[in-house]
Amino acid sequence: MNPFSSTSVILFSVFLSLQAIGAFFLNLRSEYQPTIAPLASLPTTIAAWKMVGEYPIEKEVQDVLRATDTVSRIYVDGKSPYPVSLFIAHFKSQRNGVAPHSPKNCLPGNGWVSEKNEIVQVPVPGVPGGIEVQKYIVQKGESKSVVVYWYQSHGRVIASEYTAKAYVVIDAIAKNRTDTSLVKVSTPVVNNDIEAAVQATNRYIADSFATISAALPN
């Protein structure tokens, strides 16, 4: 899309207008911020997956992230040599400049180079059509990983950062809420078998999605 086309300018103007309206509504009233249980209370066993490691976020990272709560774990299921990492960052509010940091920006900063990225559907029990997520194949030196992430707010799963930002404005006006969560699942590629790593990632998401959703506010 030509960034200077009349359609792009109109859409951008509408988005800025929505942001201004959302900010106006939020400044008029106290924001509703639902209370949730600590993310550390997530089960250490989910279906066949068992937690084998938990890594608290370092203070320096948290100071930049500014999330209300986080959890970072590794799960294995015994069916494959692929350990799956789960990271969730919950934000009770996105006012005052607080917002999730997109993995697509953080990964290059940590030395990972994207080989391929796309929005895909992951089958999930009980969700017709599955959920739409961002999928990246990334490489750092000789190491490769599959990285999948999405934004989850009020029972809604969103793959696109731009769509997620638009919903912040809509929800601020309609629901007086801006809370959201970033969910990231990653799996190392073993023996250059990317498809096997993708399958392990998808299997974990299918097995854990209901549990993760139950821990996040609707």
N, C-alpha and C. Protein backbone atom coordinates (compact mmCIF):
# COMPACT_ATOMS: atom_id res chain seq x y z
N MET A 1 0.85 -1.20 0.00
CA MET A 1 0.00 0.00 0.00
C MET A 1 0.88 1.24 0.00
N ASN A 2 0.56 2.19 -0.87
CA ASN A 2 1.29 3.46 -0.91
C ASN A 2 0.97 4.24 0.36
N PRO A 3 1.99 4.52 1.22
CA PRO A 3 1.72 5.18 2.49
C PRO A 3 1.17 6.58 2.32
N PHE A 4 1.29 7.15 1.09
CA PHE A 4 0.82 8.51 0.87
C PHE A 4 -0.46 8.55 0.05
N SER A 5 -1.08 7.39 -0.19
CA SER A 5 -2.33 7.37 -0.94
C SER A 5 -3.43 8.00 -0.10
N SER A 6 -4.49 8.46 -0.77
CA SER A 6 -5.58 9.13 -0.06
C SER A 6 -6.24 8.18 0.93
N THR A 7 -6.36 6.90 0.56
CA THR A 7 -6.98 5.92 1.46
C THR A 7 -6.15 5.75 2.72
N SER A 8 -4.82 5.67 2.58
CA SER A 8 -3.94 5.50 3.73
C SER A 8 -4.02 6.71 4.65
N VAL A 9 -4.05 7.89 4.06
CA VAL A 9 -4.12 9.11 4.87
C VAL A 9 -5.42 9.16 5.64
N ILE A 10 -6.52 8.77 4.99
CA ILE A 10 -7.83 8.78 5.66
C ILE A 10 -7.85 7.78 6.81
N LEU A 11 -7.35 6.57 6.56
CA LEU A 11 -7.33 5.55 7.60
C LEU A 11 -6.47 5.98 8.78
N PHE A 12 -5.32 6.58 8.47
CA PHE A 12 -4.44 7.04 9.54
C PHE A 12 -5.11 8.15 10.35
N SER A 13 -5.81 9.05 9.66
CA SER A 13 -6.51 10.14 10.34
C SER A 13 -7.61 9.60 11.25
N VAL A 14 -8.33 8.58 10.75
CA VAL A 14 -9.39 7.97 11.56
C VAL A 14 -8.79 7.32 12.80
N PHE A 15 -7.66 6.64 12.63
CA PHE A 15 -7.01 5.98 13.77
C PHE A 15 -6.57 7.00 14.81
N LEU A 16 -5.99 8.10 14.37
CA LEU A 16 -5.58 9.15 15.31
C LEU A 16 -6.79 9.75 16.02
N SER A 17 -7.88 9.89 15.30
CA SER A 17 -9.10 10.43 15.91
C SER A 17 -9.63 9.48 16.98
N LEU A 18 -9.61 8.17 16.68
CA LEU A 18 -10.06 7.18 17.65
C LEU A 18 -9.18 7.21 18.90
N GLN A 19 -7.87 7.35 18.70
CA GLN A 19 -6.96 7.43 19.84
C GLN A 19 -7.30 8.63 20.72
N ALA A 20 -7.56 9.76 20.07
CA ALA A 20 -7.88 10.98 20.83
C ALA A 20 -9.19 10.81 21.60
N ILE A 21 -10.18 10.20 20.95
CA ILE A 21 -11.47 9.97 21.61
C ILE A 21 -11.30 9.01 22.78
N GLY A 22 -10.51 7.94 22.56
CA GLY A 22 -10.27 6.97 23.63
C GLY A 22 -9.59 7.61 24.82
N ALA A 23 -8.59 8.45 24.55
CA ALA A 23 -7.88 9.13 25.64
C ALA A 23 -8.82 10.06 26.39
N PHE A 24 -9.72 10.73 25.66
CA PHE A 24 -10.68 11.64 26.29
C PHE A 24 -11.60 10.88 27.24
N PHE A 25 -12.12 9.74 26.78
CA PHE A 25 -13.04 8.96 27.62
C PHE A 25 -12.33 8.43 28.85
N LEU A 26 -11.08 7.96 28.69
CA LEU A 26 -10.35 7.42 29.83
C LEU A 26 -10.04 8.49 30.87
N ASN A 27 -9.78 9.70 30.41
CA ASN A 27 -9.46 10.77 31.34
C ASN A 27 -10.68 11.26 32.11
N LEU A 28 -11.88 10.91 31.61
CA LEU A 28 -13.10 11.34 32.27
C LEU A 28 -13.47 10.44 33.45
N ARG A 29 -12.99 9.23 33.48
CA ARG A 29 -13.44 8.28 34.48
C ARG A 29 -12.31 7.35 34.88
N SER A 30 -12.47 6.73 36.04
CA SER A 30 -11.48 5.76 36.50
C SER A 30 -11.61 4.48 35.67
N GLU A 31 -10.49 3.97 35.24
CA GLU A 31 -10.49 2.79 34.37
C GLU A 31 -10.80 1.53 35.18
N TYR A 32 -11.59 0.65 34.59
CA TYR A 32 -11.86 -0.65 35.20
C TYR A 32 -10.68 -1.58 34.93
N GLN A 33 -10.08 -2.11 35.99
CA GLN A 33 -8.93 -3.01 35.86
C GLN A 33 -9.23 -4.31 36.61
N PRO A 34 -9.63 -5.35 35.89
CA PRO A 34 -9.98 -6.61 36.55
C PRO A 34 -8.80 -7.23 37.28
N THR A 35 -9.09 -7.86 38.39
CA THR A 35 -8.07 -8.55 39.18
C THR A 35 -7.97 -10.01 38.75
N ILE A 36 -6.76 -10.50 38.57
CA ILE A 36 -6.57 -11.91 38.20
C ILE A 36 -5.60 -12.56 39.18
N ALA A 37 -5.64 -13.87 39.24
CA ALA A 37 -4.70 -14.62 40.08
C ALA A 37 -3.30 -14.47 39.51
N PRO A 38 -2.27 -14.56 40.35
CA PRO A 38 -0.90 -14.47 39.84
C PRO A 38 -0.66 -15.50 38.73
N LEU A 39 0.05 -15.10 37.69
CA LEU A 39 0.32 -16.02 36.60
C LEU A 39 1.15 -17.22 37.05
N ALA A 40 1.88 -17.05 38.14
CA ALA A 40 2.66 -18.17 38.68
C ALA A 40 1.77 -19.31 39.15
N SER A 41 0.47 -19.04 39.30
CA SER A 41 -0.45 -20.10 39.73
C SER A 41 -0.92 -20.99 38.57
N LEU A 42 -0.47 -20.69 37.35
CA LEU A 42 -0.77 -21.58 36.23
C LEU A 42 -0.30 -22.99 36.56
N PRO A 43 -1.06 -24.02 36.17
CA PRO A 43 -0.67 -25.40 36.49
C PRO A 43 0.72 -25.75 35.94
N THR A 44 1.44 -26.52 36.71
CA THR A 44 2.74 -26.99 36.25
C THR A 44 2.60 -28.23 35.36
N THR A 45 1.41 -28.81 35.33
CA THR A 45 1.10 -29.90 34.42
C THR A 45 -0.15 -29.53 33.63
N ILE A 46 -0.05 -29.53 32.32
CA ILE A 46 -1.16 -29.21 31.43
C ILE A 46 -1.26 -30.33 30.41
N ALA A 47 -2.34 -31.11 30.49
CA ALA A 47 -2.49 -32.30 29.65
C ALA A 47 -1.23 -33.17 29.86
N ALA A 48 -0.53 -33.51 28.79
CA ALA A 48 0.68 -34.34 28.93
C ALA A 48 1.93 -33.52 29.17
N TRP A 49 1.79 -32.20 29.21
CA TRP A 49 2.95 -31.32 29.34
C TRP A 49 3.28 -31.08 30.81
N LYS A 50 4.55 -31.21 31.15
CA LYS A 50 5.02 -30.97 32.52
C LYS A 50 6.08 -29.88 32.53
N MET A 51 5.98 -28.98 33.50
CA MET A 51 6.95 -27.91 33.62
C MET A 51 8.29 -28.47 34.10
N VAL A 52 9.38 -28.08 33.43
CA VAL A 52 10.71 -28.53 33.82
C VAL A 52 11.62 -27.36 34.19
N GLY A 53 11.09 -26.15 34.07
CA GLY A 53 11.88 -24.98 34.44
C GLY A 53 11.01 -23.74 34.49
N GLU A 54 11.35 -22.83 35.41
CA GLU A 54 10.63 -21.57 35.53
C GLU A 54 11.67 -20.47 35.76
N TYR A 55 11.55 -19.39 35.01
CA TYR A 55 12.58 -18.37 35.01
C TYR A 55 11.97 -16.99 35.24
N PRO A 56 12.06 -16.47 36.45
CA PRO A 56 11.52 -15.13 36.73
C PRO A 56 12.20 -14.08 35.83
N ILE A 57 11.43 -13.08 35.44
CA ILE A 57 11.96 -12.02 34.58
C ILE A 57 12.93 -11.16 35.39
N GLU A 58 14.09 -10.88 34.82
CA GLU A 58 15.08 -10.05 35.51
C GLU A 58 14.54 -8.64 35.71
N LYS A 59 14.96 -8.01 36.79
CA LYS A 59 14.46 -6.69 37.13
C LYS A 59 14.71 -5.68 36.01
N GLU A 60 15.89 -5.77 35.39
CA GLU A 60 16.22 -4.82 34.33
C GLU A 60 15.24 -4.95 33.16
N VAL A 61 14.85 -6.20 32.86
CA VAL A 61 13.90 -6.44 31.77
C VAL A 61 12.51 -5.96 32.18
N GLN A 62 12.14 -6.27 33.42
CA GLN A 62 10.82 -5.86 33.91
C GLN A 62 10.68 -4.34 33.94
N ASP A 63 11.77 -3.65 34.27
CA ASP A 63 11.72 -2.19 34.30
C ASP A 63 11.40 -1.61 32.93
N VAL A 64 11.84 -2.30 31.87
CA VAL A 64 11.55 -1.86 30.51
C VAL A 64 10.17 -2.34 30.08
N LEU A 65 9.86 -3.60 30.40
CA LEU A 65 8.59 -4.21 29.99
C LEU A 65 7.39 -3.55 30.66
N ARG A 66 7.52 -3.27 31.97
CA ARG A 66 6.48 -2.61 32.76
C ARG A 66 5.17 -3.40 32.78
N ALA A 67 5.28 -4.73 32.73
CA ALA A 67 4.09 -5.57 32.81
C ALA A 67 3.61 -5.67 34.25
N THR A 68 2.31 -5.88 34.42
CA THR A 68 1.76 -6.07 35.75
C THR A 68 2.18 -7.41 36.33
N ASP A 69 2.23 -8.43 35.50
CA ASP A 69 2.62 -9.76 35.95
C ASP A 69 3.16 -10.53 34.76
N THR A 70 4.09 -11.45 35.02
CA THR A 70 4.66 -12.26 33.95
C THR A 70 4.86 -13.69 34.45
N VAL A 71 4.99 -14.59 33.49
CA VAL A 71 5.40 -15.96 33.80
C VAL A 71 6.24 -16.45 32.62
N SER A 72 7.32 -17.17 32.92
CA SER A 72 8.21 -17.69 31.89
C SER A 72 8.61 -19.12 32.28
N ARG A 73 8.16 -20.09 31.48
CA ARG A 73 8.37 -21.51 31.83
C ARG A 73 8.77 -22.33 30.61
N ILE A 74 9.27 -23.53 30.92
CA ILE A 74 9.55 -24.52 29.88
C ILE A 74 8.76 -25.79 30.21
N TYR A 75 8.07 -26.31 29.20
CA TYR A 75 7.29 -27.53 29.35
C TYR A 75 7.79 -28.60 28.38
N VAL A 76 7.67 -29.86 28.77
CA VAL A 76 7.93 -30.98 27.87
C VAL A 76 6.79 -31.98 28.01
N ASP A 77 6.58 -32.77 26.96
CA ASP A 77 5.48 -33.74 27.03
C ASP A 77 5.92 -35.19 26.86
N GLY A 78 7.21 -35.42 26.64
CA GLY A 78 7.70 -36.78 26.53
C GLY A 78 7.45 -37.42 25.18
N LYS A 79 6.73 -36.74 24.28
CA LYS A 79 6.44 -37.30 22.97
C LYS A 79 7.50 -36.91 21.93
N SER A 80 8.30 -35.90 22.24
CA SER A 80 9.29 -35.42 21.28
C SER A 80 10.44 -34.77 22.04
N PRO A 81 11.57 -34.53 21.37
CA PRO A 81 12.71 -33.88 22.03
C PRO A 81 12.59 -32.37 22.08
N TYR A 82 11.38 -31.85 21.90
CA TYR A 82 11.20 -30.42 21.78
C TYR A 82 10.65 -29.81 23.07
N PRO A 83 11.49 -29.14 23.86
CA PRO A 83 10.96 -28.37 25.00
C PRO A 83 10.27 -27.12 24.48
N VAL A 84 9.15 -26.78 25.06
CA VAL A 84 8.38 -25.63 24.61
C VAL A 84 8.42 -24.55 25.69
N SER A 85 8.79 -23.34 25.30
CA SER A 85 8.84 -22.22 26.24
C SER A 85 7.55 -21.42 26.17
N LEU A 86 7.00 -21.10 27.33
CA LEU A 86 5.80 -20.27 27.43
C LEU A 86 6.17 -18.98 28.15
N PHE A 87 5.79 -17.86 27.55
CA PHE A 87 5.96 -16.55 28.19
C PHE A 87 4.65 -15.80 28.09
N ILE A 88 4.17 -15.29 29.23
CA ILE A 88 2.98 -14.46 29.25
C ILE A 88 3.29 -13.18 30.01
N ALA A 89 2.91 -12.06 29.44
CA ALA A 89 3.02 -10.77 30.12
C ALA A 89 1.63 -10.16 30.16
N HIS A 90 1.15 -9.88 31.36
CA HIS A 90 -0.18 -9.27 31.51
C HIS A 90 -0.05 -7.80 31.89
N PHE A 91 -0.86 -6.96 31.26
CA PHE A 91 -0.87 -5.53 31.52
C PHE A 91 -2.28 -5.15 31.96
N LYS A 92 -2.43 -4.71 33.18
CA LYS A 92 -3.77 -4.37 33.66
C LYS A 92 -4.27 -3.06 33.05
N SER A 93 -3.35 -2.28 32.49
CA SER A 93 -3.73 -1.03 31.84
C SER A 93 -2.69 -0.66 30.80
N GLN A 94 -3.14 -0.01 29.72
CA GLN A 94 -2.21 0.49 28.72
C GLN A 94 -2.23 2.02 28.67
N ARG A 95 -2.65 2.60 29.77
CA ARG A 95 -2.58 4.05 29.88
C ARG A 95 -1.14 4.48 30.21
N ASN A 96 -0.86 5.73 30.04
CA ASN A 96 0.43 6.33 30.41
C ASN A 96 1.61 5.67 29.69
N GLY A 97 1.38 5.27 28.44
CA GLY A 97 2.47 4.76 27.62
C GLY A 97 2.87 3.32 27.87
N VAL A 98 2.15 2.61 28.72
CA VAL A 98 2.44 1.20 28.98
C VAL A 98 1.77 0.34 27.91
N ALA A 99 2.53 -0.57 27.29
CA ALA A 99 1.98 -1.44 26.25
C ALA A 99 2.93 -2.62 26.06
N PRO A 100 2.41 -3.76 25.57
CA PRO A 100 3.29 -4.90 25.31
C PRO A 100 4.35 -4.56 24.28
N HIS A 101 5.55 -5.10 24.48
CA HIS A 101 6.61 -4.95 23.49
C HIS A 101 6.47 -6.09 22.48
N SER A 102 6.34 -5.74 21.22
CA SER A 102 6.16 -6.76 20.19
C SER A 102 7.39 -7.64 20.07
N PRO A 103 7.22 -8.98 20.08
CA PRO A 103 8.37 -9.87 19.89
C PRO A 103 9.09 -9.63 18.56
N LYS A 104 8.35 -9.16 17.55
CA LYS A 104 9.01 -8.94 16.26
C LYS A 104 10.06 -7.83 16.35
N ASN A 105 9.94 -6.97 17.37
CA ASN A 105 10.95 -5.94 17.60
C ASN A 105 12.00 -6.39 18.60
N CYS A 106 11.57 -7.20 19.59
CA CYS A 106 12.51 -7.64 20.62
C CYS A 106 13.46 -8.72 20.13
N LEU A 107 12.98 -9.61 19.25
CA LEU A 107 13.83 -10.71 18.78
C LEU A 107 15.09 -10.22 18.09
N PRO A 108 15.00 -9.27 17.14
CA PRO A 108 16.24 -8.78 16.52
C PRO A 108 17.17 -8.13 17.53
N GLY A 109 16.60 -7.49 18.54
CA GLY A 109 17.43 -6.86 19.57
C GLY A 109 18.21 -7.86 20.39
N ASN A 110 17.72 -9.11 20.42
CA ASN A 110 18.43 -10.17 21.14
C ASN A 110 19.29 -11.02 20.22
N GLY A 111 19.46 -10.58 18.98
CA GLY A 111 20.36 -11.28 18.06
C GLY A 111 19.68 -12.28 17.15
N TRP A 112 18.36 -12.45 17.27
CA TRP A 112 17.64 -13.40 16.41
C TRP A 112 17.25 -12.73 15.10
N VAL A 113 17.47 -13.44 14.01
CA VAL A 113 17.13 -12.93 12.68
C VAL A 113 15.95 -13.72 12.15
N SER A 114 14.95 -13.01 11.64
CA SER A 114 13.76 -13.67 11.11
C SER A 114 14.02 -14.24 9.72
N GLU A 115 13.79 -15.54 9.57
CA GLU A 115 13.89 -16.18 8.25
C GLU A 115 12.55 -16.13 7.53
N LYS A 116 11.48 -16.25 8.30
CA LYS A 116 10.15 -16.29 7.72
C LYS A 116 9.14 -15.89 8.77
N ASN A 117 8.13 -15.14 8.39
CA ASN A 117 7.06 -14.85 9.32
C ASN A 117 5.74 -14.78 8.57
N GLU A 118 4.67 -15.19 9.23
CA GLU A 118 3.35 -15.19 8.62
C GLU A 118 2.30 -15.29 9.71
N ILE A 119 1.09 -14.89 9.37
CA ILE A 119 -0.05 -15.09 10.26
C ILE A 119 -0.71 -16.41 9.87
N VAL A 120 -0.89 -17.29 10.85
CA VAL A 120 -1.44 -18.62 10.58
C VAL A 120 -2.56 -18.93 11.56
N GLN A 121 -3.36 -19.94 11.22
CA GLN A 121 -4.40 -20.44 12.10
C GLN A 121 -3.89 -21.69 12.81
N VAL A 122 -4.02 -21.72 14.12
CA VAL A 122 -3.64 -22.91 14.89
C VAL A 122 -4.91 -23.56 15.42
N PRO A 123 -5.14 -24.84 15.09
CA PRO A 123 -6.33 -25.53 15.58
C PRO A 123 -6.35 -25.61 17.10
N VAL A 124 -7.48 -25.26 17.70
CA VAL A 124 -7.64 -25.31 19.15
C VAL A 124 -9.00 -25.94 19.46
N PRO A 125 -9.03 -26.94 20.33
CA PRO A 125 -10.32 -27.57 20.67
C PRO A 125 -11.33 -26.54 21.20
N GLY A 126 -12.55 -26.63 20.69
CA GLY A 126 -13.61 -25.74 21.16
C GLY A 126 -13.63 -24.38 20.52
N VAL A 127 -12.68 -24.11 19.62
CA VAL A 127 -12.64 -22.81 18.93
C VAL A 127 -12.77 -23.06 17.43
N PRO A 128 -13.94 -22.85 16.86
CA PRO A 128 -14.12 -23.09 15.42
C PRO A 128 -13.12 -22.29 14.59
N GLY A 129 -12.40 -22.98 13.73
CA GLY A 129 -11.41 -22.30 12.89
C GLY A 129 -10.08 -22.07 13.57
N GLY A 130 -10.00 -22.38 14.87
CA GLY A 130 -8.74 -22.19 15.60
C GLY A 130 -8.50 -20.72 15.95
N ILE A 131 -7.27 -20.42 16.33
CA ILE A 131 -6.91 -19.04 16.67
C ILE A 131 -5.86 -18.53 15.67
N GLU A 132 -5.92 -17.25 15.40
CA GLU A 132 -4.98 -16.62 14.47
C GLU A 132 -3.80 -16.07 15.23
N VAL A 133 -2.58 -16.46 14.82
CA VAL A 133 -1.37 -16.08 15.55
C VAL A 133 -0.27 -15.66 14.58
N GLN A 134 0.72 -14.98 15.14
CA GLN A 134 1.93 -14.66 14.39
C GLN A 134 2.92 -15.80 14.55
N LYS A 135 3.47 -16.28 13.43
CA LYS A 135 4.48 -17.34 13.49
C LYS A 135 5.77 -16.87 12.83
N TYR A 136 6.87 -17.00 13.57
CA TYR A 136 8.18 -16.63 13.08
C TYR A 136 9.11 -17.84 13.11
N ILE A 137 9.94 -17.98 12.09
CA ILE A 137 11.09 -18.89 12.12
C ILE A 137 12.31 -17.98 12.26
N VAL A 138 13.04 -18.12 13.36
CA VAL A 138 14.15 -17.22 13.64
C VAL A 138 15.45 -18.01 13.81
N GLN A 139 16.56 -17.34 13.55
CA GLN A 139 17.86 -17.97 13.65
C GLN A 139 18.83 -17.05 14.36
N LYS A 140 19.70 -17.67 15.19
CA LYS A 140 20.76 -16.96 15.89
C LYS A 140 21.98 -17.85 15.86
N GLY A 141 22.95 -17.52 15.01
CA GLY A 141 24.09 -18.41 14.82
C GLY A 141 23.63 -19.71 14.19
N GLU A 142 23.93 -20.83 14.83
CA GLU A 142 23.51 -22.14 14.33
C GLU A 142 22.15 -22.56 14.88
N SER A 143 21.59 -21.78 15.77
CA SER A 143 20.33 -22.15 16.42
C SER A 143 19.13 -21.57 15.68
N LYS A 144 18.07 -22.38 15.60
CA LYS A 144 16.82 -21.92 15.01
C LYS A 144 15.69 -22.21 15.99
N SER A 145 14.65 -21.42 15.91
CA SER A 145 13.48 -21.62 16.76
C SER A 145 12.22 -21.23 16.01
N VAL A 146 11.13 -21.84 16.42
CA VAL A 146 9.81 -21.43 15.98
C VAL A 146 9.22 -20.56 17.09
N VAL A 147 8.77 -19.38 16.75
CA VAL A 147 8.20 -18.46 17.73
C VAL A 147 6.77 -18.11 17.30
N VAL A 148 5.83 -18.33 18.18
CA VAL A 148 4.43 -18.01 17.91
C VAL A 148 3.94 -17.08 19.02
N TYR A 149 3.20 -16.04 18.64
CA TYR A 149 2.66 -15.16 19.69
C TYR A 149 1.35 -14.54 19.25
N TRP A 150 0.62 -14.06 20.25
CA TRP A 150 -0.64 -13.36 20.00
C TRP A 150 -0.95 -12.46 21.18
N TYR A 151 -1.88 -11.55 20.98
CA TYR A 151 -2.39 -10.68 22.04
C TYR A 151 -3.77 -11.20 22.44
N GLN A 152 -4.03 -11.22 23.74
CA GLN A 152 -5.31 -11.75 24.22
C GLN A 152 -5.95 -10.75 25.18
N SER A 153 -7.15 -10.31 24.81
CA SER A 153 -7.85 -9.32 25.62
C SER A 153 -9.34 -9.65 25.66
N HIS A 154 -9.87 -9.81 26.86
CA HIS A 154 -11.32 -9.95 27.04
C HIS A 154 -11.88 -11.11 26.23
N GLY A 155 -11.13 -12.23 26.18
CA GLY A 155 -11.56 -13.39 25.44
C GLY A 155 -11.29 -13.32 23.95
N ARG A 156 -10.64 -12.26 23.50
CA ARG A 156 -10.35 -12.04 22.08
C ARG A 156 -8.89 -12.33 21.80
N VAL A 157 -8.61 -13.09 20.74
CA VAL A 157 -7.23 -13.40 20.34
C VAL A 157 -6.91 -12.61 19.07
N ILE A 158 -5.79 -11.88 19.11
CA ILE A 158 -5.41 -11.00 18.00
C ILE A 158 -3.96 -11.27 17.61
N ALA A 159 -3.72 -11.44 16.33
CA ALA A 159 -2.35 -11.67 15.85
C ALA A 159 -1.64 -10.37 15.50
N SER A 160 -2.36 -9.41 14.92
CA SER A 160 -1.76 -8.19 14.40
C SER A 160 -1.59 -7.13 15.49
N GLU A 161 -0.40 -6.54 15.55
CA GLU A 161 -0.16 -5.44 16.48
C GLU A 161 -1.07 -4.25 16.20
N TYR A 162 -1.30 -3.97 14.93
CA TYR A 162 -2.11 -2.82 14.57
C TYR A 162 -3.57 -3.02 14.97
N THR A 163 -4.07 -4.23 14.76
CA THR A 163 -5.44 -4.53 15.19
C THR A 163 -5.55 -4.45 16.70
N ALA A 164 -4.53 -4.95 17.39
CA ALA A 164 -4.54 -4.91 18.86
C ALA A 164 -4.59 -3.47 19.35
N LYS A 165 -3.84 -2.58 18.71
CA LYS A 165 -3.84 -1.17 19.13
C LYS A 165 -5.20 -0.52 18.86
N ALA A 166 -5.83 -0.89 17.74
CA ALA A 166 -7.15 -0.34 17.44
C ALA A 166 -8.16 -0.77 18.49
N TYR A 167 -8.07 -2.02 18.94
CA TYR A 167 -9.01 -2.51 19.95
C TYR A 167 -8.79 -1.85 21.31
N VAL A 168 -7.56 -1.38 21.57
CA VAL A 168 -7.32 -0.65 22.81
C VAL A 168 -8.23 0.57 22.87
N VAL A 169 -8.32 1.28 21.75
CA VAL A 169 -9.16 2.48 21.69
C VAL A 169 -10.64 2.10 21.79
N ILE A 170 -11.04 1.08 21.04
CA ILE A 170 -12.44 0.65 21.04
C ILE A 170 -12.87 0.19 22.43
N ASP A 171 -12.04 -0.62 23.07
CA ASP A 171 -12.39 -1.13 24.40
C ASP A 171 -12.36 -0.03 25.46
N ALA A 172 -11.47 0.95 25.27
CA ALA A 172 -11.43 2.07 26.22
C ALA A 172 -12.74 2.83 26.20
N ILE A 173 -13.31 2.98 25.01
CA ILE A 173 -14.57 3.71 24.88
C ILE A 173 -15.76 2.85 25.31
N ALA A 174 -15.80 1.61 24.81
CA ALA A 174 -16.98 0.77 25.02
C ALA A 174 -17.00 0.08 26.38
N LYS A 175 -15.81 -0.28 26.91
CA LYS A 175 -15.76 -1.07 28.13
C LYS A 175 -15.00 -0.40 29.27
N ASN A 176 -14.39 0.75 28.99
CA ASN A 176 -13.58 1.43 29.99
C ASN A 176 -12.43 0.54 30.48
N ARG A 177 -11.87 -0.24 29.54
CA ARG A 177 -10.78 -1.16 29.85
C ARG A 177 -9.70 -1.07 28.78
N THR A 178 -8.44 -1.22 29.20
CA THR A 178 -7.34 -1.32 28.23
C THR A 178 -6.42 -2.48 28.56
N ASP A 179 -6.84 -3.36 29.48
CA ASP A 179 -5.98 -4.48 29.87
C ASP A 179 -5.79 -5.45 28.70
N THR A 180 -4.63 -6.07 28.67
CA THR A 180 -4.31 -7.04 27.61
C THR A 180 -3.20 -7.95 28.10
N SER A 181 -2.96 -9.01 27.34
CA SER A 181 -1.86 -9.93 27.64
C SER A 181 -1.16 -10.31 26.34
N LEU A 182 0.14 -10.47 26.43
CA LEU A 182 0.93 -11.01 25.32
C LEU A 182 1.29 -12.45 25.67
N VAL A 183 0.97 -13.37 24.77
CA VAL A 183 1.29 -14.78 24.98
C VAL A 183 2.26 -15.21 23.89
N LYS A 184 3.41 -15.76 24.29
CA LYS A 184 4.43 -16.20 23.32
C LYS A 184 4.83 -17.64 23.63
N VAL A 185 4.85 -18.46 22.59
CA VAL A 185 5.25 -19.87 22.70
C VAL A 185 6.39 -20.10 21.71
N SER A 186 7.48 -20.68 22.17
CA SER A 186 8.62 -20.92 21.26
C SER A 186 9.20 -22.31 21.47
N THR A 187 9.73 -22.85 20.38
CA THR A 187 10.27 -24.21 20.39
C THR A 187 11.55 -24.24 19.57
N PRO A 188 12.63 -24.84 20.09
CA PRO A 188 13.86 -24.92 19.30
C PRO A 188 13.72 -25.93 18.16
N VAL A 189 14.41 -25.64 17.07
CA VAL A 189 14.44 -26.55 15.93
C VAL A 189 15.59 -27.54 16.12
N VAL A 190 15.28 -28.82 16.08
CA VAL A 190 16.29 -29.86 16.27
C VAL A 190 16.56 -30.53 14.92
N ASN A 191 17.85 -30.71 14.60
CA ASN A 191 18.25 -31.36 13.34
C ASN A 191 17.63 -30.69 12.11
N ASN A 192 17.45 -29.39 12.21
CA ASN A 192 16.92 -28.58 11.11
C ASN A 192 15.52 -29.01 10.68
N ASP A 193 14.81 -29.72 11.55
CA ASP A 193 13.46 -30.19 11.24
C ASP A 193 12.45 -29.14 11.73
N ILE A 194 12.23 -28.13 10.90
CA ILE A 194 11.35 -27.03 11.28
C ILE A 194 9.92 -27.50 11.45
N GLU A 195 9.46 -28.38 10.57
CA GLU A 195 8.07 -28.83 10.63
C GLU A 195 7.78 -29.57 11.94
N ALA A 196 8.73 -30.37 12.43
CA ALA A 196 8.53 -31.07 13.69
C ALA A 196 8.41 -30.08 14.85
N ALA A 197 9.22 -29.00 14.80
CA ALA A 197 9.14 -27.97 15.85
C ALA A 197 7.81 -27.23 15.78
N VAL A 198 7.33 -26.98 14.56
CA VAL A 198 6.03 -26.32 14.38
C VAL A 198 4.93 -27.20 14.96
N GLN A 199 4.99 -28.50 14.69
CA GLN A 199 3.97 -29.42 15.20
C GLN A 199 3.97 -29.46 16.72
N ALA A 200 5.16 -29.45 17.34
CA ALA A 200 5.25 -29.45 18.80
C ALA A 200 4.65 -28.15 19.36
N THR A 201 4.95 -27.03 18.71
CA THR A 201 4.41 -25.74 19.14
C THR A 201 2.89 -25.74 19.06
N ASN A 202 2.37 -26.20 17.94
CA ASN A 202 0.91 -26.23 17.75
C ASN A 202 0.24 -27.18 18.73
N ARG A 203 0.89 -28.29 19.01
CA ARG A 203 0.31 -29.25 19.96
C ARG A 203 0.23 -28.64 21.36
N TYR A 204 1.29 -27.93 21.74
CA TYR A 204 1.27 -27.28 23.05
C TYR A 204 0.17 -26.22 23.13
N ILE A 205 0.04 -25.41 22.08
CA ILE A 205 -0.99 -24.38 22.08
C ILE A 205 -2.38 -25.01 22.18
N ALA A 206 -2.60 -26.08 21.41
CA ALA A 206 -3.90 -26.75 21.45
C ALA A 206 -4.21 -27.30 22.83
N ASP A 207 -3.19 -27.84 23.49
CA ASP A 207 -3.39 -28.45 24.82
C ASP A 207 -3.53 -27.41 25.93
N SER A 208 -2.90 -26.25 25.77
CA SER A 208 -2.83 -25.30 26.87
C SER A 208 -3.73 -24.08 26.71
N PHE A 209 -4.30 -23.88 25.54
CA PHE A 209 -5.03 -22.63 25.29
C PHE A 209 -6.18 -22.41 26.29
N ALA A 210 -6.94 -23.45 26.57
CA ALA A 210 -8.06 -23.29 27.50
C ALA A 210 -7.56 -22.91 28.89
N THR A 211 -6.45 -23.51 29.33
CA THR A 211 -5.88 -23.22 30.63
C THR A 211 -5.36 -21.78 30.70
N ILE A 212 -4.66 -21.36 29.66
CA ILE A 212 -4.14 -19.99 29.60
C ILE A 212 -5.31 -19.00 29.59
N SER A 213 -6.33 -19.28 28.80
CA SER A 213 -7.47 -18.36 28.70
C SER A 213 -8.18 -18.22 30.04
N ALA A 214 -8.27 -19.33 30.77
CA ALA A 214 -8.95 -19.28 32.08
C ALA A 214 -8.20 -18.42 33.07
N ALA A 215 -6.88 -18.26 32.87
CA ALA A 215 -6.06 -17.45 33.79
C ALA A 215 -6.10 -15.97 33.46
N LEU A 216 -6.60 -15.62 32.28
CA LEU A 216 -6.62 -14.23 31.84
C LEU A 216 -8.04 -13.67 31.92
N PRO A 217 -8.19 -12.38 32.17
CA PRO A 217 -9.53 -11.80 32.31
C PRO A 217 -10.31 -11.79 31.02
N ASN A 218 -11.61 -12.06 31.10
CA ASN A 218 -12.49 -12.02 29.94
C ASN A 218 -13.23 -10.69 29.89
